[in-house]
Amino acid sequence: MPRTRRAPDKQSSRKRAEKAGRRAEILCALFLRLKGYRILATRYKSPVGEIDIIARRGKVLIGVEVKNRPDRDTALYALRPDQQNRIARTLAAYAGRIGHHGDMRFDLMIVRGIRVEHLSNAWHVS
């Protein structure tokens, strides 16, 4: 009996995207470690929001958003102002929880296949 191919449903494509996103986060965490960052948390969730990676380099606490997209423009467009503010609030809450009173910054990492682009200090919170 020949097998028929079913069209992918939304749930299975969502699962594939979730799995690809996790792989991208692992790749970025490894990339950051190789650059001398200390990874404090991955996939950190709080009542305020979530951050893909929280790292420290020197005395700076860094919130890292990972975007797994086919091109740079799509990744940049996907980081909306409301998401930036949510990440900022989450990092501030995390900093308070660990007693960090120093500098904080927000980075964006774009993954395209196995290529990783790290945009340090990608946005500022006013």
C-alpha atoms as a PDB file:
ATOM      1  CA  MET A   1       0.000   0.000   0.000  1.00  0.00           C
ATOM      2  CA  PRO A   2       1.603   3.303  -1.064  1.00  0.00           C
ATOM      3  CA  ARG A   3       2.047   5.965   1.555  1.00  0.00           C
ATOM      4  CA  THR A   4       0.347   9.250   0.981  1.00  0.00           C
ATOM      5  CA  ARG A   5       2.018  12.407   2.058  1.00  0.00           C
ATOM      6  CA  ARG A   6       0.001  14.675   4.274  1.00  0.00           C
ATOM      7  CA  ALA A   7       0.371  18.400   4.196  1.00  0.00           C
ATOM      8  CA  PRO A   8       2.183  19.652   7.301  1.00  0.00           C
ATOM      9  CA  ASP A   9      -0.207  21.033   9.844  1.00  0.00           C
ATOM     10  CA  LYS A  10       0.401  24.181  11.851  1.00  0.00           C
ATOM     11  CA  GLN A  11       1.222  22.261  15.005  1.00  0.00           C
ATOM     12  CA  SER A  12       4.016  20.216  13.410  1.00  0.00           C
ATOM     13  CA  SER A  13       5.567  23.273  11.745  1.00  0.00           C
ATOM     14  CA  ARG A  14       5.375  25.093  15.089  1.00  0.00           C
ATOM     15  CA  LYS A  15       7.187  22.172  16.750  1.00  0.00           C
ATOM     16  CA  ARG A  16       9.890  22.288  14.075  1.00  0.00           C
ATOM     17  CA  ALA A  17      10.306  26.035  14.601  1.00  0.00           C
ATOM     18  CA  GLU A  18      10.510  25.536  18.372  1.00  0.00           C
ATOM     19  CA  LYS A  19      13.163  22.845  17.943  1.00  0.00           C
ATOM     20  CA  ALA A  20      15.160  25.033  15.537  1.00  0.00           C
ATOM     21  CA  GLY A  21      14.903  27.909  18.013  1.00  0.00           C
ATOM     22  CA  ARG A  22      16.278  25.756  20.823  1.00  0.00           C
ATOM     23  CA  ARG A  23      19.176  24.658  18.621  1.00  0.00           C
ATOM     24  CA  ALA A  24      19.876  28.306  17.789  1.00  0.00           C
ATOM     25  CA  GLU A  25      19.912  29.206  21.492  1.00  0.00           C
ATOM     26  CA  ILE A  26      22.358  26.365  22.251  1.00  0.00           C
ATOM     27  CA  LEU A  27      24.591  27.479  19.378  1.00  0.00           C
ATOM     28  CA  CYS A  28      24.527  31.080  20.640  1.00  0.00           C
ATOM     29  CA  ALA A  29      25.317  30.050  24.220  1.00  0.00           C
ATOM     30  CA  LEU A  30      28.325  28.087  22.968  1.00  0.00           C
ATOM     31  CA  PHE A  31      29.394  31.038  20.793  1.00  0.00           C
ATOM     32  CA  LEU A  32      29.195  33.385  23.796  1.00  0.00           C
ATOM     33  CA  ARG A  33      31.172  31.003  26.022  1.00  0.00           C
ATOM     34  CA  LEU A  34      33.907  30.851  23.408  1.00  0.00           C
ATOM     35  CA  LYS A  35      34.003  34.674  23.440  1.00  0.00           C
ATOM     36  CA  GLY A  36      34.525  34.709  27.211  1.00  0.00           C
ATOM     37  CA  TYR A  37      30.970  35.260  28.442  1.00  0.00           C
ATOM     38  CA  ARG A  38      29.644  33.440  31.485  1.00  0.00           C
ATOM     39  CA  ILE A  39      26.181  32.005  30.883  1.00  0.00           C
ATOM     40  CA  LEU A  40      23.989  32.542  33.955  1.00  0.00           C
ATOM     41  CA  ALA A  41      20.646  31.311  32.604  1.00  0.00           C
ATOM     42  CA  THR A  42      19.026  30.071  29.430  1.00  0.00           C
ATOM     43  CA  ARG A  43      15.334  30.302  28.597  1.00  0.00           C
ATOM     44  CA  TYR A  44      14.804  32.314  31.775  1.00  0.00           C
ATOM     45  CA  LYS A  45      11.126  32.875  32.576  1.00  0.00           C
ATOM     46  CA  SER A  46       9.593  35.198  35.116  1.00  0.00           C
ATOM     47  CA  PRO A  47       6.126  36.669  35.622  1.00  0.00           C
ATOM     48  CA  VAL A  48       7.366  39.733  33.717  1.00  0.00           C
ATOM     49  CA  GLY A  49       8.607  37.901  30.603  1.00  0.00           C
ATOM     50  CA  GLU A  50      11.361  35.679  29.286  1.00  0.00           C
ATOM     51  CA  ILE A  51      14.931  36.012  28.056  1.00  0.00           C
ATOM     52  CA  ASP A  52      16.656  33.497  25.803  1.00  0.00           C
ATOM     53  CA  ILE A  53      20.106  33.869  27.417  1.00  0.00           C
ATOM     54  CA  ILE A  54      21.351  35.817  30.421  1.00  0.00           C
ATOM     55  CA  ALA A  55      25.099  36.215  30.503  1.00  0.00           C
ATOM     56  CA  ARG A  56      27.778  38.179  32.282  1.00  0.00           C
ATOM     57  CA  ARG A  57      30.996  39.584  30.922  1.00  0.00           C
ATOM     58  CA  GLY A  58      33.079  41.374  33.483  1.00  0.00           C
ATOM     59  CA  LYS A  59      30.657  43.426  35.578  1.00  0.00           C
ATOM     60  CA  VAL A  60      28.036  43.760  32.828  1.00  0.00           C
ATOM     61  CA  LEU A  61      24.810  41.740  32.958  1.00  0.00           C
ATOM     62  CA  ILE A  62      23.553  40.954  29.457  1.00  0.00           C
ATOM     63  CA  GLY A  63      20.145  39.915  28.201  1.00  0.00           C
ATOM     64  CA  VAL A  64      20.424  38.146  24.853  1.00  0.00           C
ATOM     65  CA  GLU A  65      17.550  37.665  22.422  1.00  0.00           C
ATOM     66  CA  VAL A  66      18.129  34.941  19.821  1.00  0.00           C
ATOM     67  CA  LYS A  67      16.397  35.126  16.447  1.00  0.00           C
ATOM     68  CA  ASN A  68      16.608  32.167  14.069  1.00  0.00           C
ATOM     69  CA  ARG A  69      15.644  33.751  10.760  1.00  0.00           C
ATOM     70  CA  PRO A  70      16.560  33.350   7.084  1.00  0.00           C
ATOM     71  CA  ASP A  71      18.060  36.850   6.838  1.00  0.00           C
ATOM     72  CA  ARG A  72      19.217  39.772   8.969  1.00  0.00           C
ATOM     73  CA  ASP A  73      16.368  42.134   8.069  1.00  0.00           C
ATOM     74  CA  THR A  74      13.706  39.614   9.053  1.00  0.00           C
ATOM     75  CA  ALA A  75      15.446  39.068  12.400  1.00  0.00           C
ATOM     76  CA  LEU A  76      15.734  42.785  13.090  1.00  0.00           C
ATOM     77  CA  TYR A  77      12.084  43.333  12.195  1.00  0.00           C
ATOM     78  CA  ALA A  78      11.059  40.477  14.533  1.00  0.00           C
ATOM     79  CA  LEU A  79      12.477  42.293  17.576  1.00  0.00           C
ATOM     80  CA  ARG A  80       9.602  44.659  18.245  1.00  0.00           C
ATOM     81  CA  PRO A  81       9.676  47.538  20.780  1.00  0.00           C
ATOM     82  CA  ASP A  82       7.173  45.801  23.077  1.00  0.00           C
ATOM     83  CA  GLN A  83       9.408  42.721  23.139  1.00  0.00           C
ATOM     84  CA  GLN A  84      12.471  44.887  23.876  1.00  0.00           C
ATOM     85  CA  ASN A  85      10.651  46.457  26.838  1.00  0.00           C
ATOM     86  CA  ARG A  86       9.531  43.056  28.138  1.00  0.00           C
ATOM     87  CA  ILE A  87      13.115  41.750  27.945  1.00  0.00           C
ATOM     88  CA  ALA A  88      14.367  44.878  29.740  1.00  0.00           C
ATOM     89  CA  ARG A  89      11.847  44.444  32.568  1.00  0.00           C
ATOM     90  CA  THR A  90      12.744  40.760  32.878  1.00  0.00           C
ATOM     91  CA  LEU A  91      16.484  41.487  33.021  1.00  0.00           C
ATOM     92  CA  ALA A  92      15.895  44.185  35.657  1.00  0.00           C
ATOM     93  CA  ALA A  93      13.893  41.694  37.733  1.00  0.00           C
ATOM     94  CA  TYR A  94      16.651  39.083  37.365  1.00  0.00           C
ATOM     95  CA  ALA A  95      19.290  41.658  38.342  1.00  0.00           C
ATOM     96  CA  GLY A  96      17.303  42.500  41.460  1.00  0.00           C
ATOM     97  CA  ARG A  97      16.950  38.838  42.316  1.00  0.00           C
ATOM     98  CA  ILE A  98      20.721  38.235  42.182  1.00  0.00           C
ATOM     99  CA  GLY A  99      21.642  41.611  43.715  1.00  0.00           C
ATOM    100  CA  HIS A 100      23.262  43.040  40.579  1.00  0.00           C
ATOM    101  CA  HIS A 101      23.473  46.836  40.682  1.00  0.00           C
ATOM    102  CA  GLY A 102      25.910  47.392  37.822  1.00  0.00           C
ATOM    103  CA  ASP A 103      25.595  47.940  34.108  1.00  0.00           C
ATOM    104  CA  MET A 104      23.195  46.002  31.923  1.00  0.00           C
ATOM    105  CA  ARG A 105      22.968  45.699  28.172  1.00  0.00           C
ATOM    106  CA  PHE A 106      20.849  44.021  25.549  1.00  0.00           C
ATOM    107  CA  ASP A 107      22.279  41.955  22.708  1.00  0.00           C
ATOM    108  CA  LEU A 108      20.691  40.365  19.684  1.00  0.00           C
ATOM    109  CA  MET A 109      22.037  37.197  18.116  1.00  0.00           C
ATOM    110  CA  ILE A 110      20.884  36.241  14.645  1.00  0.00           C
ATOM    111  CA  VAL A 111      21.243  32.640  13.513  1.00  0.00           C
ATOM    112  CA  ARG A 112      21.051  31.726   9.837  1.00  0.00           C
ATOM    113  CA  GLY A 113      21.827  28.043   9.451  1.00  0.00           C
ATOM    114  CA  ILE A 114      25.101  27.675  11.337  1.00  0.00           C
ATOM    115  CA  ARG A 115      26.101  31.335  10.891  1.00  0.00           C
ATOM    116  CA  VAL A 116      25.847  33.433  14.033  1.00  0.00           C
ATOM    117  CA  GLU A 117      25.846  37.226  14.083  1.00  0.00           C
ATOM    118  CA  HIS A 118      26.214  38.900  17.473  1.00  0.00           C
ATOM    119  CA  LEU A 119      24.935  42.469  17.746  1.00  0.00           C
ATOM    120  CA  SER A 120      26.300  43.744  21.021  1.00  0.00           C
ATOM    121  CA  ASN A 121      24.300  46.538  22.695  1.00  0.00           C
ATOM    122  CA  ALA A 122      21.587  46.120  20.053  1.00  0.00           C
ATOM    123  CA  TRP A 123      19.082  48.435  21.732  1.00  0.00           C
ATOM    124  CA  HIS A 124      18.772  50.825  24.642  1.00  0.00           C
ATOM    125  CA  VAL A 125      16.005  51.191  27.130  1.00  0.00           C
ATOM    126  CA  SER A 126      15.033  54.709  28.113  1.00  0.00           C
END
